[in-house]
């Protein structure tokens, strides 16, 4: 995998969940509002954001390997 492919993977994998959430919200706002209204939804959003950040950092480290 080249560095360009790694960067593209980084962009796609980190932008896909927010884009999907936005599309779900536009298609069915009541379904998505449960995440923002319910305390368990807040926890789920927090865990999801944390895991996204961890994945971002891991992919960045994979891409930045010095040879």
Protein backbone atom coordinates (compact mmCIF):
# COMPACT_ATOMS: atom_id res chain seq x y z
CA UNK A 1 0.00 0.00 0.00
CA UNK A 2 1.43 3.35 -0.99
CA UNK A 3 1.22 6.45 1.13
CA UNK A 4 -1.41 7.94 -1.18
CA UNK A 5 -3.61 4.85 -0.78
CA UNK A 6 -3.16 5.03 2.97
CA UNK A 7 -4.17 8.68 3.05
CA UNK A 8 -7.22 7.94 0.91
CA UNK A 9 -8.17 5.10 3.25
CA UNK A 10 -7.78 7.48 6.18
CA UNK A 11 -10.08 10.06 4.61
CA UNK A 12 -12.72 7.52 3.57
CA UNK A 13 -12.77 5.60 6.86
CA UNK A 14 -12.89 8.70 9.05
CA UNK A 15 -15.47 10.58 6.98
CA UNK A 16 -17.85 7.68 6.32
CA UNK A 17 -19.55 7.52 9.78
CA UNK A 18 -20.34 11.27 10.01
CA UNK A 19 -21.60 11.32 6.41
CA UNK A 20 -23.74 8.23 7.05
CA UNK A 21 -25.12 9.79 10.24
CA UNK A 22 -26.00 12.98 8.34
CA UNK A 23 -27.75 10.98 5.63
CA UNK A 24 -29.67 8.95 8.22
CA UNK A 25 -30.67 12.19 9.95
CA UNK A 26 -31.90 13.68 6.67
CA UNK A 27 -33.87 10.54 5.82
CA UNK A 28 -35.37 9.89 9.27
CA UNK A 29 -34.69 12.63 11.85
CA UNK A 30 -36.76 10.98 14.59
CA UNK A 31 -34.65 7.83 14.37
CA UNK A 32 -31.40 9.74 14.80
CA UNK A 33 -32.72 12.09 17.50
CA UNK A 34 -32.83 9.15 19.91
CA UNK A 35 -29.02 9.36 20.03
CA UNK A 36 -29.20 13.00 21.12
CA UNK A 37 -32.13 12.71 23.53
CA UNK A 38 -31.45 9.46 25.38
CA UNK A 39 -28.60 9.25 27.94
CA UNK A 40 -27.57 5.90 26.47
CA UNK A 41 -27.44 7.61 23.07
CA UNK A 42 -25.03 10.18 24.51
CA UNK A 43 -22.82 7.36 25.74
CA UNK A 44 -22.98 5.64 22.36
CA UNK A 45 -22.07 8.85 20.54
CA UNK A 46 -19.15 9.45 22.89
CA UNK A 47 -17.82 5.92 22.48
CA UNK A 48 -18.25 6.14 18.71
CA UNK A 49 -16.34 9.42 18.51
CA UNK A 50 -13.60 8.05 20.76
CA UNK A 51 -13.22 4.93 18.62
CA UNK A 52 -13.11 7.07 15.47
CA UNK A 53 -10.30 9.15 16.96
CA UNK A 54 -8.37 6.03 17.99
CA UNK A 55 -8.79 4.58 14.49
CA UNK A 56 -7.60 7.87 12.97
CA UNK A 57 -4.46 7.86 15.11
CA UNK A 58 -3.71 4.21 14.33
CA UNK A 59 -4.10 4.71 10.58
CA UNK A 60 -1.88 7.82 10.76
CA UNK A 61 0.82 5.78 12.49
CA UNK A 62 0.55 3.05 9.86
CA UNK A 63 0.89 5.60 7.06
CA UNK A 64 3.86 7.43 8.66
CA UNK A 65 6.19 4.41 8.88
CA UNK A 66 9.73 5.53 8.07
CA UNK A 67 11.72 3.15 5.90
